[in-house]
Amino acid sequence: MTIMHRGFEIGRTVQDFCRPDRMALVVYDMQVGIISQLKHGPDIVERVAGVLDAARQNSFRIIFMRHLSMPRELMGASQFRQAMAWQRIEDPDSVRPWFLRGTPGVEIVPELAPRESEAVLDKITFSAFEGTPLAMILRDCGLTAFAICGVATEIGIDPTVRHGADLGLVPIVIADACGAGHQEAGARAMENIAFMGDALVTDSAHIVNIMSGIEQV
């Protein structure tokens, strides 16, 4: 329940923040080229679709994140190093950018196709806040919290949650609608998120009920 202190409302539960005037939904990297690599990809798509549908029906602002590769001509030492690690190669000349703009793999899966009223923000970082207007969008709309779902927990959702908390926002992690490329690493990341205490952790059924007005404060 919300606590009033020195003129501030201190929210403590998902219900305190899960309102269209306080929270947006961030859908992280639900791209064709990423989901196709996950054994449980279809399950995550289904859960994210359920949350997305509830958010759309109840006027929540929605922002899709999308990982983008730079063409080789715009890759520097950091990007080459990262690509070599991910592609498990030793020769920079062998690096193949996986998510070039305009290629099929970079697109959001068709089951979640973004609408004209929803933003799609491209990034080359793991935190959704670095190098994107995400923080400005949230603040400009007067929002103080964001719910997040998508993939992958251990790669992008964890740093986004931590970065968002450092910006003074309240992250709400929809745990069963977050997929992982490496299950053990994903579980560790989710445990760390819960341990830190800056974020609220919930599940898709609970937040859908709150969004739909089935559960009230």
C-alpha atoms as a PDB file:
ATOM      1  CA  MET A   1       0.000   0.000   0.000  1.00  0.00           C
ATOM      2  CA  THR A   2       1.080   3.569  -0.694  1.00  0.00           C
ATOM      3  CA  ILE A   3       2.594   5.432   2.267  1.00  0.00           C
ATOM      4  CA  MET A   4       2.358   9.221   2.514  1.00  0.00           C
ATOM      5  CA  HIS A   5       5.505  10.831   3.907  1.00  0.00           C
ATOM      6  CA  ARG A   6       6.464  14.525   3.804  1.00  0.00           C
ATOM      7  CA  GLY A   7       4.155  15.104   0.865  1.00  0.00           C
ATOM      8  CA  PHE A   8       5.425  12.107  -1.123  1.00  0.00           C
ATOM      9  CA  GLU A   9       3.492   9.022  -2.116  1.00  0.00           C
ATOM     10  CA  ILE A  10       5.804   6.069  -1.513  1.00  0.00           C
ATOM     11  CA  GLY A  11       4.504   3.156  -3.555  1.00  0.00           C
ATOM     12  CA  ARG A  12       5.329  -0.353  -2.392  1.00  0.00           C
ATOM     13  CA  THR A  13       3.249  -2.753  -4.466  1.00  0.00           C
ATOM     14  CA  VAL A  14       2.592  -3.447  -8.141  1.00  0.00           C
ATOM     15  CA  GLN A  15      -0.928  -2.091  -7.649  1.00  0.00           C
ATOM     16  CA  ASP A  16       0.498   1.241  -6.498  1.00  0.00           C
ATOM     17  CA  PHE A  17       2.229   1.817  -9.845  1.00  0.00           C
ATOM     18  CA  CYS A  18       0.256  -0.198 -12.389  1.00  0.00           C
ATOM     19  CA  ARG A  19      -1.855   2.673 -13.706  1.00  0.00           C
ATOM     20  CA  PRO A  20      -1.751   4.340 -17.145  1.00  0.00           C
ATOM     21  CA  ASP A  21      -0.811   7.666 -15.554  1.00  0.00           C
ATOM     22  CA  ARG A  22       2.166   6.148 -13.720  1.00  0.00           C
ATOM     23  CA  MET A  23       3.519   3.202 -15.718  1.00  0.00           C
ATOM     24  CA  ALA A  24       4.440   2.242 -19.261  1.00  0.00           C
ATOM     25  CA  LEU A  25       5.035  -1.234 -20.670  1.00  0.00           C
ATOM     26  CA  VAL A  26       8.501  -1.885 -22.139  1.00  0.00           C
ATOM     27  CA  VAL A  27       8.731  -4.909 -24.453  1.00  0.00           C
ATOM     28  CA  TYR A  28      12.386  -5.847 -24.721  1.00  0.00           C
ATOM     29  CA  ASP A  29      13.968  -7.354 -27.891  1.00  0.00           C
ATOM     30  CA  MET A  30      11.118  -9.630 -28.958  1.00  0.00           C
ATOM     31  CA  GLN A  31      12.709  -9.961 -32.379  1.00  0.00           C
ATOM     32  CA  VAL A  32      12.440 -12.716 -34.957  1.00  0.00           C
ATOM     33  CA  GLY A  33      16.189 -13.389 -34.937  1.00  0.00           C
ATOM     34  CA  ILE A  34      16.308 -13.676 -31.153  1.00  0.00           C
ATOM     35  CA  ILE A  35      13.114 -15.586 -30.387  1.00  0.00           C
ATOM     36  CA  SER A  36      14.002 -18.184 -33.026  1.00  0.00           C
ATOM     37  CA  GLN A  37      17.101 -19.089 -30.991  1.00  0.00           C
ATOM     38  CA  LEU A  38      15.149 -19.893 -27.807  1.00  0.00           C
ATOM     39  CA  LYS A  39      13.563 -23.298 -27.175  1.00  0.00           C
ATOM     40  CA  HIS A  40      10.905 -21.650 -25.038  1.00  0.00           C
ATOM     41  CA  GLY A  41      10.472 -18.733 -27.454  1.00  0.00           C
ATOM     42  CA  PRO A  42       6.828 -19.507 -28.331  1.00  0.00           C
ATOM     43  CA  ASP A  43       5.881 -19.635 -24.631  1.00  0.00           C
ATOM     44  CA  ILE A  44       7.438 -16.216 -23.999  1.00  0.00           C
ATOM     45  CA  VAL A  45       5.712 -14.769 -27.068  1.00  0.00           C
ATOM     46  CA  GLU A  46       2.366 -16.041 -25.761  1.00  0.00           C
ATOM     47  CA  ARG A  47       2.855 -14.544 -22.286  1.00  0.00           C
ATOM     48  CA  VAL A  48       4.126 -11.228 -23.626  1.00  0.00           C
ATOM     49  CA  ALA A  49       1.171 -11.120 -26.023  1.00  0.00           C
ATOM     50  CA  GLY A  50      -1.223 -11.503 -23.105  1.00  0.00           C
ATOM     51  CA  VAL A  51       0.368  -8.628 -21.203  1.00  0.00           C
ATOM     52  CA  LEU A  52       0.540  -6.499 -24.340  1.00  0.00           C
ATOM     53  CA  ASP A  53      -3.144  -7.087 -25.079  1.00  0.00           C
ATOM     54  CA  ALA A  54      -4.138  -6.004 -21.561  1.00  0.00           C
ATOM     55  CA  ALA A  55      -1.913  -2.915 -21.793  1.00  0.00           C
ATOM     56  CA  ARG A  56      -3.465  -1.957 -25.137  1.00  0.00           C
ATOM     57  CA  GLN A  57      -7.016  -2.445 -23.927  1.00  0.00           C
ATOM     58  CA  ASN A  58      -6.420  -0.287 -20.874  1.00  0.00           C
ATOM     59  CA  SER A  59      -4.550   2.675 -22.409  1.00  0.00           C
ATOM     60  CA  PHE A  60      -1.040   1.997 -21.099  1.00  0.00           C
ATOM     61  CA  ARG A  61       1.777   3.536 -23.109  1.00  0.00           C
ATOM     62  CA  ILE A  62       3.850   0.879 -24.881  1.00  0.00           C
ATOM     63  CA  ILE A  63       7.475   1.016 -25.999  1.00  0.00           C
ATOM     64  CA  PHE A  64       9.256  -1.736 -27.906  1.00  0.00           C
ATOM     65  CA  MET A  65      13.020  -2.066 -27.722  1.00  0.00           C
ATOM     66  CA  ARG A  66      14.947  -3.569 -30.612  1.00  0.00           C
ATOM     67  CA  HIS A  67      18.598  -4.617 -30.778  1.00  0.00           C
ATOM     68  CA  LEU A  68      20.353  -3.278 -33.855  1.00  0.00           C
ATOM     69  CA  SER A  69      23.736  -4.117 -35.333  1.00  0.00           C
ATOM     70  CA  MET A  70      25.900  -1.500 -36.953  1.00  0.00           C
ATOM     71  CA  PRO A  71      27.332  -2.197 -40.395  1.00  0.00           C
ATOM     72  CA  ARG A  72      30.975  -3.216 -40.175  1.00  0.00           C
ATOM     73  CA  GLU A  73      32.045   0.249 -41.351  1.00  0.00           C
ATOM     74  CA  LEU A  74      30.548   1.754 -38.170  1.00  0.00           C
ATOM     75  CA  MET A  75      31.784  -0.887 -35.751  1.00  0.00           C
ATOM     76  CA  GLY A  76      34.609   0.082 -33.432  1.00  0.00           C
ATOM     77  CA  ALA A  77      36.803  -1.864 -31.026  1.00  0.00           C
ATOM     78  CA  SER A  78      34.060  -2.395 -28.453  1.00  0.00           C
ATOM     79  CA  GLN A  79      31.504  -3.603 -30.963  1.00  0.00           C
ATOM     80  CA  PHE A  80      33.979  -5.949 -32.661  1.00  0.00           C
ATOM     81  CA  ARG A  81      35.069  -7.337 -29.303  1.00  0.00           C
ATOM     82  CA  GLN A  82      31.467  -7.967 -28.276  1.00  0.00           C
ATOM     83  CA  ALA A  83      30.560  -9.543 -31.624  1.00  0.00           C
ATOM     84  CA  MET A  84      33.613 -11.813 -31.509  1.00  0.00           C
ATOM     85  CA  ALA A  85      32.632 -12.988 -28.033  1.00  0.00           C
ATOM     86  CA  TRP A  86      29.012 -13.628 -28.980  1.00  0.00           C
ATOM     87  CA  GLN A  87      29.872 -15.322 -32.256  1.00  0.00           C
ATOM     88  CA  ARG A  88      32.744 -17.257 -30.639  1.00  0.00           C
ATOM     89  CA  ILE A  89      35.315 -16.300 -33.239  1.00  0.00           C
ATOM     90  CA  GLU A  90      38.874 -14.955 -33.033  1.00  0.00           C
ATOM     91  CA  ASP A  91      39.148 -13.083 -36.338  1.00  0.00           C
ATOM     92  CA  PRO A  92      37.426  -9.667 -36.605  1.00  0.00           C
ATOM     93  CA  ASP A  93      37.177 -10.156 -40.371  1.00  0.00           C
ATOM     94  CA  SER A  94      34.842 -13.083 -39.723  1.00  0.00           C
ATOM     95  CA  VAL A  95      32.323 -11.016 -37.747  1.00  0.00           C
ATOM     96  CA  ARG A  96      28.850 -10.960 -39.288  1.00  0.00           C
ATOM     97  CA  PRO A  97      26.441  -8.284 -37.982  1.00  0.00           C
ATOM     98  CA  TRP A  98      23.361 -10.268 -36.968  1.00  0.00           C
ATOM     99  CA  PHE A  99      20.778  -7.525 -36.670  1.00  0.00           C
ATOM    100  CA  LEU A 100      21.255  -5.095 -39.520  1.00  0.00           C
ATOM    101  CA  ARG A 101      18.430  -2.660 -40.183  1.00  0.00           C
ATOM    102  CA  GLY A 102      16.034  -3.993 -42.810  1.00  0.00           C
ATOM    103  CA  THR A 103      16.873  -7.675 -42.331  1.00  0.00           C
ATOM    104  CA  PRO A 104      14.134 -10.140 -41.243  1.00  0.00           C
ATOM    105  CA  GLY A 105      15.834 -11.044 -37.972  1.00  0.00           C
ATOM    106  CA  VAL A 106      15.709  -7.507 -36.593  1.00  0.00           C
ATOM    107  CA  GLU A 107      11.923  -7.197 -36.794  1.00  0.00           C
ATOM    108  CA  ILE A 108       9.530  -7.653 -33.868  1.00  0.00           C
ATOM    109  CA  VAL A 109       7.782 -11.047 -34.060  1.00  0.00           C
ATOM    110  CA  PRO A 110       4.505 -10.689 -36.010  1.00  0.00           C
ATOM    111  CA  GLU A 111       2.377 -11.846 -33.070  1.00  0.00           C
ATOM    112  CA  LEU A 112       3.351  -8.633 -31.264  1.00  0.00           C
ATOM    113  CA  ALA A 113       3.405  -6.253 -34.231  1.00  0.00           C
ATOM    114  CA  PRO A 114       3.754  -2.682 -32.891  1.00  0.00           C
ATOM    115  CA  ARG A 115       0.949  -0.253 -33.620  1.00  0.00           C
ATOM    116  CA  GLU A 116       1.345   3.295 -34.908  1.00  0.00           C
ATOM    117  CA  SER A 117       0.676   4.602 -31.390  1.00  0.00           C
ATOM    118  CA  GLU A 118       3.580   2.570 -29.955  1.00  0.00           C
ATOM    119  CA  ALA A 119       7.270   3.448 -30.110  1.00  0.00           C
ATOM    120  CA  VAL A 120       9.998   1.165 -31.455  1.00  0.00           C
ATOM    121  CA  LEU A 121      13.408   2.249 -30.154  1.00  0.00           C
ATOM    122  CA  ASP A 122      16.615   0.835 -31.634  1.00  0.00           C
ATOM    123  CA  LYS A 123      19.720   0.366 -29.492  1.00  0.00           C
ATOM    124  CA  ILE A 124      23.176  -1.191 -29.667  1.00  0.00           C
ATOM    125  CA  THR A 125      23.500  -1.492 -25.886  1.00  0.00           C
ATOM    126  CA  PHE A 126      22.076  -3.871 -23.296  1.00  0.00           C
ATOM    127  CA  SER A 127      20.426  -1.225 -21.133  1.00  0.00           C
ATOM    128  CA  ALA A 128      17.339   0.110 -22.867  1.00  0.00           C
ATOM    129  CA  PHE A 129      18.129   3.542 -21.434  1.00  0.00           C
ATOM    130  CA  GLU A 130      21.620   3.996 -22.868  1.00  0.00           C
ATOM    131  CA  GLY A 131      21.618   5.906 -26.135  1.00  0.00           C
ATOM    132  CA  THR A 132      17.814   5.931 -26.489  1.00  0.00           C
ATOM    133  CA  PRO A 133      15.072   8.449 -25.609  1.00  0.00           C
ATOM    134  CA  LEU A 134      13.329   5.960 -23.299  1.00  0.00           C
ATOM    135  CA  ALA A 135      13.949   7.924 -20.086  1.00  0.00           C
ATOM    136  CA  MET A 136      12.860  11.183 -21.704  1.00  0.00           C
ATOM    137  CA  ILE A 137       9.672   9.585 -23.046  1.00  0.00           C
ATOM    138  CA  LEU A 138       8.728   8.271 -19.610  1.00  0.00           C
ATOM    139  CA  ARG A 139       9.500  11.519 -17.821  1.00  0.00           C
ATOM    140  CA  ASP A 140       7.870  13.689 -20.477  1.00  0.00           C
ATOM    141  CA  CYS A 141       4.675  11.663 -20.040  1.00  0.00           C
ATOM    142  CA  GLY A 142       4.873  12.064 -16.265  1.00  0.00           C
ATOM    143  CA  LEU A 143       5.462   8.356 -15.654  1.00  0.00           C
ATOM    144  CA  THR A 144       7.455   7.069 -12.701  1.00  0.00           C
ATOM    145  CA  ALA A 145       7.457   3.326 -13.366  1.00  0.00           C
ATOM    146  CA  PHE A 146       7.859   0.843 -16.190  1.00  0.00           C
ATOM    147  CA  ALA A 147       6.861  -2.806 -16.471  1.00  0.00           C
ATOM    148  CA  ILE A 148       9.274  -4.886 -18.521  1.00  0.00           C
ATOM    149  CA  CYS A 149       8.992  -8.203 -20.318  1.00  0.00           C
ATOM    150  CA  GLY A 150      10.792  -9.899 -23.215  1.00  0.00           C
ATOM    151  CA  VAL A 151      14.246 -11.389 -23.717  1.00  0.00           C
ATOM    152  CA  ALA A 152      16.781 -11.940 -22.449  1.00  0.00           C
ATOM    153  CA  THR A 153      16.715 -11.668 -18.670  1.00  0.00           C
ATOM    154  CA  GLU A 154      20.444 -12.158 -18.150  1.00  0.00           C
ATOM    155  CA  ILE A 155      21.533 -10.014 -21.100  1.00  0.00           C
ATOM    156  CA  GLY A 156      19.323  -6.959 -21.352  1.00  0.00           C
ATOM    157  CA  ILE A 157      16.492  -6.957 -18.846  1.00  0.00           C
ATOM    158  CA  ASP A 158      18.776  -7.093 -15.792  1.00  0.00           C
ATOM    159  CA  PRO A 159      20.904  -4.055 -16.837  1.00  0.00           C
ATOM    160  CA  THR A 160      17.791  -2.160 -17.931  1.00  0.00           C
ATOM    161  CA  VAL A 161      16.164  -2.729 -14.545  1.00  0.00           C
ATOM    162  CA  ARG A 162      19.267  -1.571 -12.678  1.00  0.00           C
ATOM    163  CA  HIS A 163      19.747   1.450 -14.935  1.00  0.00           C
ATOM    164  CA  GLY A 164      16.096   2.413 -14.589  1.00  0.00           C
ATOM    165  CA  ALA A 165      16.275   2.223 -10.806  1.00  0.00           C
ATOM    166  CA  ASP A 166      19.382   4.439 -10.845  1.00  0.00           C
ATOM    167  CA  LEU A 167      17.350   6.980 -12.810  1.00  0.00           C
ATOM    168  CA  GLY A 168      14.776   7.086 -10.016  1.00  0.00           C
ATOM    169  CA  LEU A 169      12.183   4.990 -11.847  1.00  0.00           C
ATOM    170  CA  VAL A 170      10.410   1.947 -10.438  1.00  0.00           C
ATOM    171  CA  PRO A 171      10.977  -1.185 -12.551  1.00  0.00           C
ATOM    172  CA  ILE A 172       8.292  -3.873 -12.479  1.00  0.00           C
ATOM    173  CA  VAL A 173       9.613  -7.172 -13.823  1.00  0.00           C
ATOM    174  CA  ILE A 174       7.052  -9.592 -15.255  1.00  0.00           C
ATOM    175  CA  ALA A 175       9.097 -12.667 -14.438  1.00  0.00           C
ATOM    176  CA  ASP A 176       7.255 -15.395 -16.358  1.00  0.00           C
ATOM    177  CA  ALA A 177       7.117 -13.165 -19.453  1.00  0.00           C
ATOM    178  CA  CYS A 178      10.913 -12.746 -19.445  1.00  0.00           C
ATOM    179  CA  GLY A 179      12.887 -15.349 -21.373  1.00  0.00           C
ATOM    180  CA  ALA A 180      16.527 -16.320 -21.031  1.00  0.00           C
ATOM    181  CA  GLY A 181      19.095 -17.557 -23.492  1.00  0.00           C
ATOM    182  CA  HIS A 182      20.858 -19.405 -20.675  1.00  0.00           C
ATOM    183  CA  GLN A 183      18.400 -20.702 -18.106  1.00  0.00           C
ATOM    184  CA  GLU A 184      20.759 -20.798 -15.111  1.00  0.00           C
ATOM    185  CA  ALA A 185      22.122 -17.333 -15.846  1.00  0.00           C
ATOM    186  CA  GLY A 186      18.570 -16.057 -16.309  1.00  0.00           C
ATOM    187  CA  ALA A 187      17.505 -17.510 -12.943  1.00  0.00           C
ATOM    188  CA  ARG A 188      20.522 -15.925 -11.227  1.00  0.00           C
ATOM    189  CA  ALA A 189      19.728 -12.561 -12.780  1.00  0.00           C
ATOM    190  CA  MET A 190      16.122 -12.749 -11.611  1.00  0.00           C
ATOM    191  CA  GLU A 191      17.255 -13.692  -8.104  1.00  0.00           C
ATOM    192  CA  ASN A 192      19.633 -10.708  -8.044  1.00  0.00           C
ATOM    193  CA  ILE A 193      16.866  -8.366  -9.211  1.00  0.00           C
ATOM    194  CA  ALA A 194      14.631  -9.574  -6.386  1.00  0.00           C
ATOM    195  CA  PHE A 195      17.487  -9.380  -3.880  1.00  0.00           C
ATOM    196  CA  MET A 196      18.391  -5.773  -4.698  1.00  0.00           C
ATOM    197  CA  GLY A 197      14.857  -4.666  -3.866  1.00  0.00           C
ATOM    198  CA  ASP A 198      14.711  -1.675  -6.236  1.00  0.00           C
ATOM    199  CA  ALA A 199      12.370  -3.514  -8.585  1.00  0.00           C
ATOM    200  CA  LEU A 200       9.020  -5.162  -8.020  1.00  0.00           C
ATOM    201  CA  VAL A 201       8.745  -8.694  -9.377  1.00  0.00           C
ATOM    202  CA  THR A 202       5.380 -10.027 -10.507  1.00  0.00           C
ATOM    203  CA  ASP A 203       3.887 -12.486 -13.010  1.00  0.00           C
ATOM    204  CA  SER A 204       1.806 -12.026 -16.130  1.00  0.00           C
ATOM    205  CA  ALA A 205      -1.512 -13.152 -14.633  1.00  0.00           C
ATOM    206  CA  HIS A 206      -1.200 -10.739 -11.705  1.00  0.00           C
ATOM    207  CA  ILE A 207      -0.296  -7.679 -13.742  1.00  0.00           C
ATOM    208  CA  VAL A 208      -2.917  -8.428 -16.402  1.00  0.00           C
ATOM    209  CA  ASN A 209      -5.556  -8.555 -13.660  1.00  0.00           C
ATOM    210  CA  ILE A 210      -4.380  -5.223 -12.277  1.00  0.00           C
ATOM    211  CA  MET A 211      -4.252  -3.610 -15.724  1.00  0.00           C
ATOM    212  CA  SER A 212      -7.772  -4.853 -16.435  1.00  0.00           C
ATOM    213  CA  GLY A 213      -9.150  -3.585 -13.128  1.00  0.00           C
ATOM    214  CA  ILE A 214      -9.871  -7.093 -11.812  1.00  0.00           C
ATOM    215  CA  GLU A 215      -7.547  -6.496  -8.851  1.00  0.00           C
ATOM    216  CA  GLN A 216      -7.824  -3.152  -7.109  1.00  0.00           C
ATOM    217  CA  VAL A 217      -5.625  -1.428  -4.512  1.00  0.00           C
END
